[in-house]
Full PDB file with SEQRES, HELIX, SHEET, SSBOND, CRYST1, ORIGX, SCALE, CONECT and MASTER records, all heavy atoms in Angstrom:
SEQRES   1 A   39  LYS ARG ARG TYR SER ILE PRO LYS ILE SER TRP MET ALA          
SEQRES   2 A   39  PRO GLY SER GLY ASP ALA SER VAL TRP PRO ILE ASN GLU          
SEQRES   3 A   39  GLN THR LYS LEU PHE GLY GLN LEU LEU GLY GLY ILE VAL          
HELIX    1 AA1 ILE A   24  GLU A   26  5                                   3    
HELIX    2 AA2 GLN A   27  LYS A   29  1                                   3    
HELIX    3 AA3 LEU A   30  LEU A   34  3                                   5    
CRYST1    1.000    1.000    1.000  90.00  90.00  90.00 P 1           1          
ORIGX1      1.000000  0.000000  0.000000        0.00000                         
ORIGX2      0.000000  1.000000  0.000000        0.00000                         
ORIGX3      0.000000  0.000000  1.000000        0.00000                         
SCALE1      1.000000  0.000000  0.000000        0.00000                         
SCALE2      0.000000  1.000000  0.000000        0.00000                         
SCALE3      0.000000  0.000000  1.000000        0.00000                         
ATOM      1  N   LYS A   1     -18.162  -9.004  90.020  1.00  0.00           N  
ATOM      2  CA  LYS A   1     -18.174  -8.153  88.856  1.00  0.00           C  
ATOM      3  C   LYS A   1     -17.696  -8.952  87.637  1.00  0.00           C  
ATOM      4  O   LYS A   1     -18.194  -8.772  86.501  1.00  0.00           O  
ATOM      5  CB  LYS A   1     -17.311  -6.886  89.045  1.00  0.00           C  
ATOM      6  CG  LYS A   1     -17.953  -5.908  90.031  1.00  0.00           C  
ATOM      7  CD  LYS A   1     -17.194  -4.612  90.004  1.00  0.00           C  
ATOM      8  CE  LYS A   1     -15.928  -4.684  90.764  1.00  0.00           C  
ATOM      9  NZ  LYS A   1     -15.236  -3.304  90.965  1.00  0.00           N  
ATOM     10  N   ARG A   2     -16.655  -9.764  87.791  1.00  0.00           N  
ATOM     11  CA  ARG A   2     -16.131 -10.520  86.636  1.00  0.00           C  
ATOM     12  C   ARG A   2     -17.109 -11.652  86.276  1.00  0.00           C  
ATOM     13  O   ARG A   2     -17.354 -11.733  85.085  1.00  0.00           O  
ATOM     14  CB  ARG A   2     -14.831 -11.188  87.107  1.00  0.00           C  
ATOM     15  CG  ARG A   2     -14.135 -12.056  86.055  1.00  0.00           C  
ATOM     16  CD  ARG A   2     -13.065 -12.966  86.586  1.00  0.00           C  
ATOM     17  NE  ARG A   2     -13.602 -13.896  87.582  1.00  0.00           N  
ATOM     18  CZ  ARG A   2     -14.175 -15.017  87.225  1.00  0.00           C  
ATOM     19  NH1 ARG A   2     -14.443 -15.299  85.944  1.00  0.00           N  
ATOM     20  NH2 ARG A   2     -14.698 -15.879  88.189  1.00  0.00           N  
ATOM     21  N   ARG A   3     -17.572 -12.370  87.215  1.00  0.00           N  
ATOM     22  CA  ARG A   3     -18.461 -13.523  86.817  1.00  0.00           C  
ATOM     23  C   ARG A   3     -19.774 -13.110  86.275  1.00  0.00           C  
ATOM     24  O   ARG A   3     -20.286 -13.823  85.392  1.00  0.00           O  
ATOM     25  CB  ARG A   3     -18.768 -14.252  88.176  1.00  0.00           C  
ATOM     26  CG  ARG A   3     -19.512 -15.573  87.997  1.00  0.00           C  
ATOM     27  CD  ARG A   3     -19.736 -16.259  89.358  1.00  0.00           C  
ATOM     28  NE  ARG A   3     -20.466 -17.542  89.146  1.00  0.00           N  
ATOM     29  CZ  ARG A   3     -19.906 -18.722  89.400  1.00  0.00           C  
ATOM     30  NH1 ARG A   3     -18.696 -18.817  89.961  1.00  0.00           N  
ATOM     31  NH2 ARG A   3     -20.621 -19.828  89.190  1.00  0.00           N  
ATOM     32  N   TYR A   4     -20.306 -11.954  86.669  1.00  0.00           N  
ATOM     33  CA  TYR A   4     -21.603 -11.597  86.146  1.00  0.00           C  
ATOM     34  C   TYR A   4     -21.627 -10.325  85.264  1.00  0.00           C  
ATOM     35  O   TYR A   4     -22.651  -9.760  84.983  1.00  0.00           O  
ATOM     36  CB  TYR A   4     -22.535 -11.284  87.364  1.00  0.00           C  
ATOM     37  CG  TYR A   4     -22.745 -12.558  88.251  1.00  0.00           C  
ATOM     38  CD1 TYR A   4     -21.992 -12.692  89.422  1.00  0.00           C  
ATOM     39  CD2 TYR A   4     -23.685 -13.525  87.911  1.00  0.00           C  
ATOM     40  CE1 TYR A   4     -22.088 -13.870  90.165  1.00  0.00           C  
ATOM     41  CE2 TYR A   4     -23.836 -14.706  88.735  1.00  0.00           C  
ATOM     42  CZ  TYR A   4     -23.049 -14.815  89.818  1.00  0.00           C  
ATOM     43  OH  TYR A   4     -23.197 -15.978  90.622  1.00  0.00           O  
ATOM     44  N   SER A   5     -20.379  -9.997  84.838  1.00  0.00           N  
ATOM     45  CA  SER A   5     -20.174  -8.830  83.910  1.00  0.00           C  
ATOM     46  C   SER A   5     -20.926  -7.548  84.429  1.00  0.00           C  
ATOM     47  O   SER A   5     -21.655  -6.881  83.688  1.00  0.00           O  
ATOM     48  CB  SER A   5     -20.683  -9.207  82.499  1.00  0.00           C  
ATOM     49  OG  SER A   5     -20.029 -10.328  82.043  1.00  0.00           O  
ATOM     50  N   ILE A   6     -20.639  -7.158  85.667  1.00  0.00           N  
ATOM     51  CA  ILE A   6     -21.204  -6.025  86.312  1.00  0.00           C  
ATOM     52  C   ILE A   6     -20.067  -5.006  86.449  1.00  0.00           C  
ATOM     53  O   ILE A   6     -19.139  -5.265  87.216  1.00  0.00           O  
ATOM     54  CB  ILE A   6     -21.842  -6.310  87.646  1.00  0.00           C  
ATOM     55  CG1 ILE A   6     -22.940  -7.381  87.517  1.00  0.00           C  
ATOM     56  CG2 ILE A   6     -22.448  -5.044  88.269  1.00  0.00           C  
ATOM     57  CD1 ILE A   6     -23.571  -7.831  88.797  1.00  0.00           C  
ATOM     58  N   PRO A   7     -20.152  -3.916  85.720  1.00  0.00           N  
ATOM     59  CA  PRO A   7     -19.007  -2.962  85.802  1.00  0.00           C  
ATOM     60  C   PRO A   7     -18.870  -2.171  87.189  1.00  0.00           C  
ATOM     61  O   PRO A   7     -17.762  -1.862  87.560  1.00  0.00           O  
ATOM     62  CB  PRO A   7     -19.283  -1.983  84.711  1.00  0.00           C  
ATOM     63  CG  PRO A   7     -20.702  -2.122  84.434  1.00  0.00           C  
ATOM     64  CD  PRO A   7     -21.123  -3.474  84.750  1.00  0.00           C  
ATOM     65  N   LYS A   8     -20.018  -1.917  87.857  1.00  0.00           N  
ATOM     66  CA  LYS A   8     -20.009  -1.133  89.067  1.00  0.00           C  
ATOM     67  C   LYS A   8     -20.975  -1.692  90.058  1.00  0.00           C  
ATOM     68  O   LYS A   8     -22.066  -1.968  89.686  1.00  0.00           O  
ATOM     69  CB  LYS A   8     -20.274   0.360  88.724  1.00  0.00           C  
ATOM     70  CG  LYS A   8     -19.862   1.333  89.847  1.00  0.00           C  
ATOM     71  CD  LYS A   8     -20.177   2.817  89.359  1.00  0.00           C  
ATOM     72  CE  LYS A   8     -19.547   3.797  90.169  1.00  0.00           C  
ATOM     73  NZ  LYS A   8     -18.063   3.770  90.234  1.00  0.00           N  
ATOM     74  N   ILE A   9     -20.537  -1.757  91.274  1.00  0.00           N  
ATOM     75  CA  ILE A   9     -21.427  -2.245  92.319  1.00  0.00           C  
ATOM     76  C   ILE A   9     -21.470  -1.382  93.516  1.00  0.00           C  
ATOM     77  O   ILE A   9     -20.639  -0.541  93.722  1.00  0.00           O  
ATOM     78  CB  ILE A   9     -21.011  -3.713  92.814  1.00  0.00           C  
ATOM     79  CG1 ILE A   9     -19.653  -3.649  93.401  1.00  0.00           C  
ATOM     80  CG2 ILE A   9     -21.177  -4.789  91.694  1.00  0.00           C  
ATOM     81  CD1 ILE A   9     -19.208  -4.931  94.054  1.00  0.00           C  
ATOM     82  N   SER A  10     -22.542  -1.483  94.361  1.00  0.00           N  
ATOM     83  CA  SER A  10     -22.634  -0.897  95.669  1.00  0.00           C  
ATOM     84  C   SER A  10     -23.167  -1.906  96.603  1.00  0.00           C  
ATOM     85  O   SER A  10     -23.551  -3.027  96.136  1.00  0.00           O  
ATOM     86  CB  SER A  10     -23.612   0.285  95.574  1.00  0.00           C  
ATOM     87  OG  SER A  10     -22.988   1.450  94.979  1.00  0.00           O  
ATOM     88  N   TRP A  11     -23.181  -1.609  97.866  1.00  0.00           N  
ATOM     89  CA  TRP A  11     -23.595  -2.639  98.845  1.00  0.00           C  
ATOM     90  C   TRP A  11     -24.178  -1.983 100.100  1.00  0.00           C  
ATOM     91  O   TRP A  11     -23.961  -0.831 100.345  1.00  0.00           O  
ATOM     92  CB  TRP A  11     -22.414  -3.552  99.262  1.00  0.00           C  
ATOM     93  CG  TRP A  11     -21.264  -2.803  99.859  1.00  0.00           C  
ATOM     94  CD1 TRP A  11     -21.005  -2.655 101.130  1.00  0.00           C  
ATOM     95  CD2 TRP A  11     -20.187  -2.160  99.139  1.00  0.00           C  
ATOM     96  NE1 TRP A  11     -19.817  -1.871 101.310  1.00  0.00           N  
ATOM     97  CE2 TRP A  11     -19.337  -1.633 100.128  1.00  0.00           C  
ATOM     98  CE3 TRP A  11     -19.914  -2.019  97.765  1.00  0.00           C  
ATOM     99  CZ2 TRP A  11     -18.128  -0.925  99.741  1.00  0.00           C  
ATOM    100  CZ3 TRP A  11     -18.724  -1.361  97.388  1.00  0.00           C  
ATOM    101  CH2 TRP A  11     -17.924  -0.820  98.366  1.00  0.00           C  
ATOM    102  N   MET A  12     -24.986  -2.763 100.812  1.00  0.00           N  
ATOM    103  CA  MET A  12     -25.549  -2.327 102.044  1.00  0.00           C  
ATOM    104  C   MET A  12     -25.401  -3.489 103.078  1.00  0.00           C  
ATOM    105  O   MET A  12     -25.375  -4.654 102.707  1.00  0.00           O  
ATOM    106  CB  MET A  12     -27.095  -2.050 101.876  1.00  0.00           C  
ATOM    107  CG  MET A  12     -27.377  -0.819 101.043  1.00  0.00           C  
ATOM    108  SD  MET A  12     -29.170  -0.573 100.936  1.00  0.00           S  
ATOM    109  CE  MET A  12     -29.621  -0.339 102.654  1.00  0.00           C  
ATOM    110  N   ALA A  13     -25.343  -3.078 104.350  1.00  0.00           N  
ATOM    111  CA  ALA A  13     -25.199  -4.034 105.464  1.00  0.00           C  
ATOM    112  C   ALA A  13     -26.212  -3.734 106.513  1.00  0.00           C  
ATOM    113  O   ALA A  13     -26.370  -2.529 106.862  1.00  0.00           O  
ATOM    114  CB  ALA A  13     -23.785  -4.030 106.026  1.00  0.00           C  
ATOM    115  N   PRO A  14     -26.908  -4.722 107.138  1.00  0.00           N  
ATOM    116  CA  PRO A  14     -27.817  -4.433 108.185  1.00  0.00           C  
ATOM    117  C   PRO A  14     -27.083  -3.738 109.391  1.00  0.00           C  
ATOM    118  O   PRO A  14     -25.949  -4.235 109.737  1.00  0.00           O  
ATOM    119  CB  PRO A  14     -28.365  -5.820 108.616  1.00  0.00           C  
ATOM    120  CG  PRO A  14     -28.136  -6.671 107.355  1.00  0.00           C  
ATOM    121  CD  PRO A  14     -26.830  -6.164 106.780  1.00  0.00           C  
ATOM    122  N   GLY A  15     -27.702  -2.746 109.942  1.00  0.00           N  
ATOM    123  CA  GLY A  15     -27.070  -2.028 111.033  1.00  0.00           C  
ATOM    124  C   GLY A  15     -26.069  -1.017 110.680  1.00  0.00           C  
ATOM    125  O   GLY A  15     -25.551  -0.250 111.594  1.00  0.00           O  
ATOM    126  N   SER A  16     -25.730  -0.881 109.345  1.00  0.00           N  
ATOM    127  CA  SER A  16     -24.773   0.147 108.923  1.00  0.00           C  
ATOM    128  C   SER A  16     -25.584   1.342 108.629  1.00  0.00           C  
ATOM    129  O   SER A  16     -26.598   1.397 107.841  1.00  0.00           O  
ATOM    130  CB  SER A  16     -24.045  -0.320 107.703  1.00  0.00           C  
ATOM    131  OG  SER A  16     -23.180   0.698 107.256  1.00  0.00           O  
ATOM    132  N   GLY A  17     -25.185   2.576 109.150  1.00  0.00           N  
ATOM    133  CA  GLY A  17     -25.932   3.740 109.017  1.00  0.00           C  
ATOM    134  C   GLY A  17     -26.967   3.865 110.115  1.00  0.00           C  
ATOM    135  O   GLY A  17     -26.950   3.066 111.097  1.00  0.00           O  
ATOM    136  N   ASP A  18     -27.868   4.746 110.047  1.00  0.00           N  
ATOM    137  CA  ASP A  18     -28.905   4.926 111.046  1.00  0.00           C  
ATOM    138  C   ASP A  18     -29.771   3.677 111.179  1.00  0.00           C  
ATOM    139  O   ASP A  18     -29.923   2.995 110.122  1.00  0.00           O  
ATOM    140  CB  ASP A  18     -29.781   6.114 110.770  1.00  0.00           C  
ATOM    141  CG  ASP A  18     -29.064   7.459 111.117  1.00  0.00           C  
ATOM    142  OD1 ASP A  18     -27.893   7.424 111.559  1.00  0.00           O  
ATOM    143  OD2 ASP A  18     -29.738   8.555 110.953  1.00  0.00           O  
ATOM    144  N   ALA A  19     -30.428   3.455 112.218  1.00  0.00           N  
ATOM    145  CA  ALA A  19     -31.205   2.211 112.515  1.00  0.00           C  
ATOM    146  C   ALA A  19     -32.290   2.049 111.425  1.00  0.00           C  
ATOM    147  O   ALA A  19     -32.637   0.911 111.080  1.00  0.00           O  
ATOM    148  CB  ALA A  19     -31.764   2.232 113.897  1.00  0.00           C  
ATOM    149  N   SER A  20     -32.819   3.130 110.899  1.00  0.00           N  
ATOM    150  CA  SER A  20     -33.930   2.999 109.960  1.00  0.00           C  
ATOM    151  C   SER A  20     -33.497   2.685 108.538  1.00  0.00           C  
ATOM    152  O   SER A  20     -34.317   2.290 107.808  1.00  0.00           O  
ATOM    153  CB  SER A  20     -34.710   4.343 109.919  1.00  0.00           C  
ATOM    154  OG  SER A  20     -33.820   5.452 109.453  1.00  0.00           O  
ATOM    155  N   VAL A  21     -32.226   2.733 108.279  1.00  0.00           N  
ATOM    156  CA  VAL A  21     -31.740   2.416 106.905  1.00  0.00           C  
ATOM    157  C   VAL A  21     -31.906   0.982 106.628  1.00  0.00           C  
ATOM    158  O   VAL A  21     -32.449   0.588 105.540  1.00  0.00           O  
ATOM    159  CB  VAL A  21     -30.232   2.789 106.817  1.00  0.00           C  
ATOM    160  CG1 VAL A  21     -29.623   2.326 105.474  1.00  0.00           C  
ATOM    161  CG2 VAL A  21     -30.045   4.280 107.014  1.00  0.00           C  
ATOM    162  N   TRP A  22     -31.496   0.061 107.529  1.00  0.00           N  
ATOM    163  CA  TRP A  22     -31.748  -1.416 107.431  1.00  0.00           C  
ATOM    164  C   TRP A  22     -31.466  -1.957 108.825  1.00  0.00           C  
ATOM    165  O   TRP A  22     -30.288  -2.059 109.161  1.00  0.00           O  
ATOM    166  CB  TRP A  22     -30.896  -2.021 106.326  1.00  0.00           C  
ATOM    167  CG  TRP A  22     -31.188  -3.433 106.020  1.00  0.00           C  
ATOM    168  CD1 TRP A  22     -32.312  -4.136 106.400  1.00  0.00           C  
ATOM    169  CD2 TRP A  22     -30.414  -4.379 105.237  1.00  0.00           C  
ATOM    170  NE1 TRP A  22     -32.296  -5.345 105.833  1.00  0.00           N  
ATOM    171  CE2 TRP A  22     -31.130  -5.618 105.159  1.00  0.00           C  
ATOM    172  CE3 TRP A  22     -29.172  -4.291 104.652  1.00  0.00           C  
ATOM    173  CZ2 TRP A  22     -30.680  -6.685 104.485  1.00  0.00           C  
ATOM    174  CZ3 TRP A  22     -28.716  -5.441 103.884  1.00  0.00           C  
ATOM    175  CH2 TRP A  22     -29.385  -6.563 103.827  1.00  0.00           C  
ATOM    176  N   PRO A  23     -32.474  -2.296 109.572  1.00  0.00           N  
ATOM    177  CA  PRO A  23     -32.300  -2.776 110.943  1.00  0.00           C  
ATOM    178  C   PRO A  23     -31.344  -3.910 111.024  1.00  0.00           C  
ATOM    179  O   PRO A  23     -31.313  -4.813 110.258  1.00  0.00           O  
ATOM    180  CB  PRO A  23     -33.718  -3.163 111.375  1.00  0.00           C  
ATOM    181  CG  PRO A  23     -34.647  -2.303 110.494  1.00  0.00           C  
ATOM    182  CD  PRO A  23     -33.926  -2.254 109.145  1.00  0.00           C  
ATOM    183  N   ILE A  24     -30.558  -3.923 112.135  1.00  0.00           N  
ATOM    184  CA  ILE A  24     -29.538  -4.982 112.312  1.00  0.00           C  
ATOM    185  C   ILE A  24     -30.117  -6.376 112.480  1.00  0.00           C  
ATOM    186  O   ILE A  24     -29.480  -7.382 112.216  1.00  0.00           O  
ATOM    187  CB  ILE A  24     -28.556  -4.583 113.467  1.00  0.00           C  
ATOM    188  CG1 ILE A  24     -27.325  -5.465 113.405  1.00  0.00           C  
ATOM    189  CG2 ILE A  24     -29.299  -4.761 114.779  1.00  0.00           C  
ATOM    190  CD1 ILE A  24     -26.177  -5.005 114.395  1.00  0.00           C  
ATOM    191  N   ASN A  25     -31.328  -6.449 113.029  1.00  0.00           N  
ATOM    192  CA  ASN A  25     -31.940  -7.758 113.217  1.00  0.00           C  
ATOM    193  C   ASN A  25     -32.314  -8.448 111.955  1.00  0.00           C  
ATOM    194  O   ASN A  25     -32.645  -9.633 111.927  1.00  0.00           O  
ATOM    195  CB  ASN A  25     -33.182  -7.669 114.162  1.00  0.00           C  
ATOM    196  CG  ASN A  25     -34.299  -6.797 113.648  1.00  0.00           C  
ATOM    197  OD1 ASN A  25     -34.187  -6.292 112.468  1.00  0.00           O  
ATOM    198  ND2 ASN A  25     -35.266  -6.460 114.437  1.00  0.00           N  
ATOM    199  N   GLU A  26     -32.209  -7.772 110.798  1.00  0.00           N  
ATOM    200  CA  GLU A  26     -32.417  -8.359 109.498  1.00  0.00           C  
ATOM    201  C   GLU A  26     -31.244  -9.315 109.174  1.00  0.00           C  
ATOM    202  O   GLU A  26     -31.383 -10.118 108.187  1.00  0.00           O  
ATOM    203  CB  GLU A  26     -32.553  -7.338 108.409  1.00  0.00           C  
ATOM    204  CG  GLU A  26     -33.723  -6.348 108.521  1.00  0.00           C  
ATOM    205  CD  GLU A  26     -34.953  -6.986 107.875  1.00  0.00           C  
ATOM    206  OE1 GLU A  26     -35.005  -7.021 106.625  1.00  0.00           O  
ATOM    207  OE2 GLU A  26     -35.864  -7.362 108.611  1.00  0.00           O  
ATOM    208  N   GLN A  27     -30.200  -9.292 109.962  1.00  0.00           N  
ATOM    209  CA  GLN A  27     -29.155 -10.302 109.804  1.00  0.00           C  
ATOM    210  C   GLN A  27     -29.646 -11.695 109.717  1.00  0.00           C  
ATOM    211  O   GLN A  27     -29.126 -12.583 109.077  1.00  0.00           O  
ATOM    212  CB  GLN A  27     -28.098 -10.144 110.916  1.00  0.00           C  
ATOM    213  CG  GLN A  27     -27.354  -8.908 110.985  1.00  0.00           C  
ATOM    214  CD  GLN A  27     -26.016  -9.060 110.205  1.00  0.00           C  
ATOM    215  OE1 GLN A  27     -26.019  -9.658 109.179  1.00  0.00           O  
ATOM    216  NE2 GLN A  27     -24.936  -8.510 110.754  1.00  0.00           N  
ATOM    217  N   THR A  28     -30.652 -12.011 110.601  1.00  0.00           N  
ATOM    218  CA  THR A  28     -31.152 -13.347 110.624  1.00  0.00           C  
ATOM    219  C   THR A  28     -31.717 -13.852 109.321  1.00  0.00           C  
ATOM    220  O   THR A  28     -31.637 -15.064 109.043  1.00  0.00           O  
ATOM    221  CB  THR A  28     -32.285 -13.482 111.750  1.00  0.00           C  
ATOM    222  OG1 THR A  28     -33.319 -12.563 111.445  1.00  0.00           O  
ATOM    223  CG2 THR A  28     -31.737 -13.095 113.133  1.00  0.00           C  
ATOM    224  N   LYS A  29     -32.254 -12.949 108.526  1.00  0.00           N  
ATOM    225  CA  LYS A  29     -32.821 -13.351 107.235  1.00  0.00           C  
ATOM    226  C   LYS A  29     -31.769 -13.635 106.261  1.00  0.00           C  
ATOM    227  O   LYS A  29     -31.810 -14.473 105.404  1.00  0.00           O  
ATOM    228  CB  LYS A  29     -33.670 -12.198 106.734  1.00  0.00           C  
ATOM    229  CG  LYS A  29     -34.951 -11.981 107.563  1.00  0.00           C  
ATOM    230  CD  LYS A  29     -35.758 -10.797 107.026  1.00  0.00           C  
ATOM    231  CE  LYS A  29     -36.934 -10.493 107.887  1.00  0.00           C  
ATOM    232  NZ  LYS A  29     -37.752  -9.351 107.392  1.00  0.00           N  
ATOM    233  N   LEU A  30     -30.661 -12.893 106.371  1.00  0.00           N  
ATOM    234  CA  LEU A  30     -29.399 -13.179 105.487  1.00  0.00           C  
ATOM    235  C   LEU A  30     -28.864 -14.541 105.838  1.00  0.00           C  
ATOM    236  O   LEU A  30     -28.658 -15.332 104.909  1.00  0.00           O  
ATOM    237  CB  LEU A  30     -28.363 -12.068 105.729  1.00  0.00           C  
ATOM    238  CG  LEU A  30     -28.602 -10.729 105.012  1.00  0.00           C  
ATOM    239  CD1 LEU A  30     -27.512  -9.751 105.481  1.00  0.00           C  
ATOM    240  CD2 LEU A  30     -28.470 -10.857 103.508  1.00  0.00           C  
ATOM    241  N   PHE A  31     -28.553 -14.701 107.098  1.00  0.00           N  
ATOM    242  CA  PHE A  31     -27.873 -16.013 107.486  1.00  0.00           C  
ATOM    243  C   PHE A  31     -28.851 -17.244 107.351  1.00  0.00           C  
ATOM    244  O   PHE A  31     -28.437 -18.225 106.855  1.00  0.00           O  
ATOM    245  CB  PHE A  31     -27.413 -15.892 108.895  1.00  0.00           C  
ATOM    246  CG  PHE A  31     -26.092 -15.256 109.106  1.00  0.00           C  
ATOM    247  CD1 PHE A  31     -25.900 -13.897 108.927  1.00  0.00           C  
ATOM    248  CD2 PHE A  31     -25.003 -15.959 109.519  1.00  0.00           C  
ATOM    249  CE1 PHE A  31     -24.715 -13.282 109.032  1.00  0.00           C  
ATOM    250  CE2 PHE A  31     -23.743 -15.340 109.668  1.00  0.00           C  
ATOM    251  CZ  PHE A  31     -23.604 -14.032 109.438  1.00  0.00           C  
ATOM    252  N   GLY A  32     -30.071 -17.028 107.836  1.00  0.00           N  
ATOM    253  CA  GLY A  32     -30.946 -18.196 107.905  1.00  0.00           C  
ATOM    254  C   GLY A  32     -31.739 -18.551 106.564  1.00  0.00           C  
ATOM    255  O   GLY A  32     -32.028 -19.704 106.354  1.00  0.00           O  
ATOM    256  N   GLN A  33     -31.939 -17.547 105.768  1.00  0.00           N  
ATOM    257  CA  GLN A  33     -32.783 -17.779 104.555  1.00  0.00           C  
ATOM    258  C   GLN A  33     -32.004 -17.495 103.232  1.00  0.00           C  
ATOM    259  O   GLN A  33     -31.847 -18.402 102.489  1.00  0.00           O  
ATOM    260  CB  GLN A  33     -34.050 -16.924 104.609  1.00  0.00           C  
ATOM    261  CG  GLN A  33     -34.941 -17.267 105.782  1.00  0.00           C  
ATOM    262  CD  GLN A  33     -36.071 -16.275 106.046  1.00  0.00           C  
ATOM    263  OE1 GLN A  33     -35.935 -15.332 106.741  1.00  0.00           O  
ATOM    264  NE2 GLN A  33     -37.189 -16.551 105.367  1.00  0.00           N  
ATOM    265  N   LEU A  34     -31.517 -16.256 103.073  1.00  0.00           N  
ATOM    266  CA  LEU A  34     -30.945 -16.006 101.764  1.00  0.00           C  
ATOM    267  C   LEU A  34     -29.611 -16.738 101.593  1.00  0.00           C  
ATOM    268  O   LEU A  34     -29.228 -17.071 100.435  1.00  0.00           O  
ATOM    269  CB  LEU A  34     -30.700 -14.462 101.640  1.00  0.00           C  
ATOM    270  CG  LEU A  34     -31.960 -13.608 101.527  1.00  0.00           C  
ATOM    271  CD1 LEU A  34     -31.621 -12.155 101.397  1.00  0.00           C  
ATOM    272  CD2 LEU A  34     -32.854 -14.136 100.432  1.00  0.00           C  
ATOM    273  N   LEU A  35     -28.863 -16.969 102.643  1.00  0.00           N  
ATOM    274  CA  LEU A  35     -27.600 -17.774 102.557  1.00  0.00           C  
ATOM    275  C   LEU A  35     -27.767 -19.174 103.010  1.00  0.00           C  
ATOM    276  O   LEU A  35     -26.831 -19.852 103.337  1.00  0.00           O  
ATOM    277  CB  LEU A  35     -26.497 -17.035 103.312  1.00  0.00           C  
ATOM    278  CG  LEU A  35     -26.018 -15.705 102.726  1.00  0.00           C  
ATOM    279  CD1 LEU A  35     -25.080 -14.991 103.631  1.00  0.00           C  
ATOM    280  CD2 LEU A  35     -25.452 -15.949 101.328  1.00  0.00           C  
ATOM    281  N   GLY A  36     -29.048 -19.555 103.115  1.00  0.00           N  
ATOM    282  CA  GLY A  36     -29.370 -21.007 103.355  1.00  0.00           C  
ATOM    283  C   GLY A  36     -28.941 -21.685 104.676  1.00  0.00           C  
ATOM    284  O   GLY A  36     -28.975 -22.820 104.787  1.00  0.00           O  
ATOM    285  N   GLY A  37     -28.597 -20.854 105.650  1.00  0.00           N  
ATOM    286  CA  GLY A  37     -28.204 -21.396 106.959  1.00  0.00           C  
ATOM    287  C   GLY A  37     -26.833 -22.131 106.915  1.00  0.00           C  
ATOM    288  O   GLY A  37     -26.622 -22.935 107.791  1.00  0.00           O  
ATOM    289  N   ILE A  38     -26.012 -21.916 105.935  1.00  0.00           N  
ATOM    290  CA  ILE A  38     -24.791 -22.604 105.841  1.00  0.00           C  
ATOM    291  C   ILE A  38     -23.544 -21.778 105.949  1.00  0.00           C  
ATOM    292  O   ILE A  38     -22.426 -22.181 105.633  1.00  0.00           O  
ATOM    293  CB  ILE A  38     -24.755 -23.394 104.462  1.00  0.00           C  
ATOM    294  CG1 ILE A  38     -24.747 -22.393 103.315  1.00  0.00           C  
ATOM    295  CG2 ILE A  38     -25.884 -24.374 104.344  1.00  0.00           C  
ATOM    296  CD1 ILE A  38     -24.413 -23.072 101.926  1.00  0.00           C  
ATOM    297  N   VAL A  39     -23.724 -20.534 106.466  1.00  0.00           N  
ATOM    298  CA  VAL A  39     -22.580 -19.636 106.663  1.00  0.00           C  
ATOM    299  C   VAL A  39     -21.503 -20.205 107.615  1.00  0.00           C  
ATOM    300  O   VAL A  39     -20.372 -20.317 107.343  1.00  0.00           O  
ATOM    301  CB  VAL A  39     -23.062 -18.293 107.099  1.00  0.00           C  
ATOM    302  CG1 VAL A  39     -21.863 -17.409 107.312  1.00  0.00           C  
ATOM    303  CG2 VAL A  39     -23.936 -17.634 105.997  1.00  0.00           C  
TER     304      VAL A  39                                                      
MASTER        0    0    0    3    0    0    0    6  303    1    0    3          
END                                                                             
């Protein structure tokens, strides 16, 4: 919020909520692609 001057944020996590909200196996895309495999 400070770095990008965003006053309010929300968030989502794979597997949080019912399975259809965001499937937990989407974790692999976060770790391997969007976060560059360096977590």
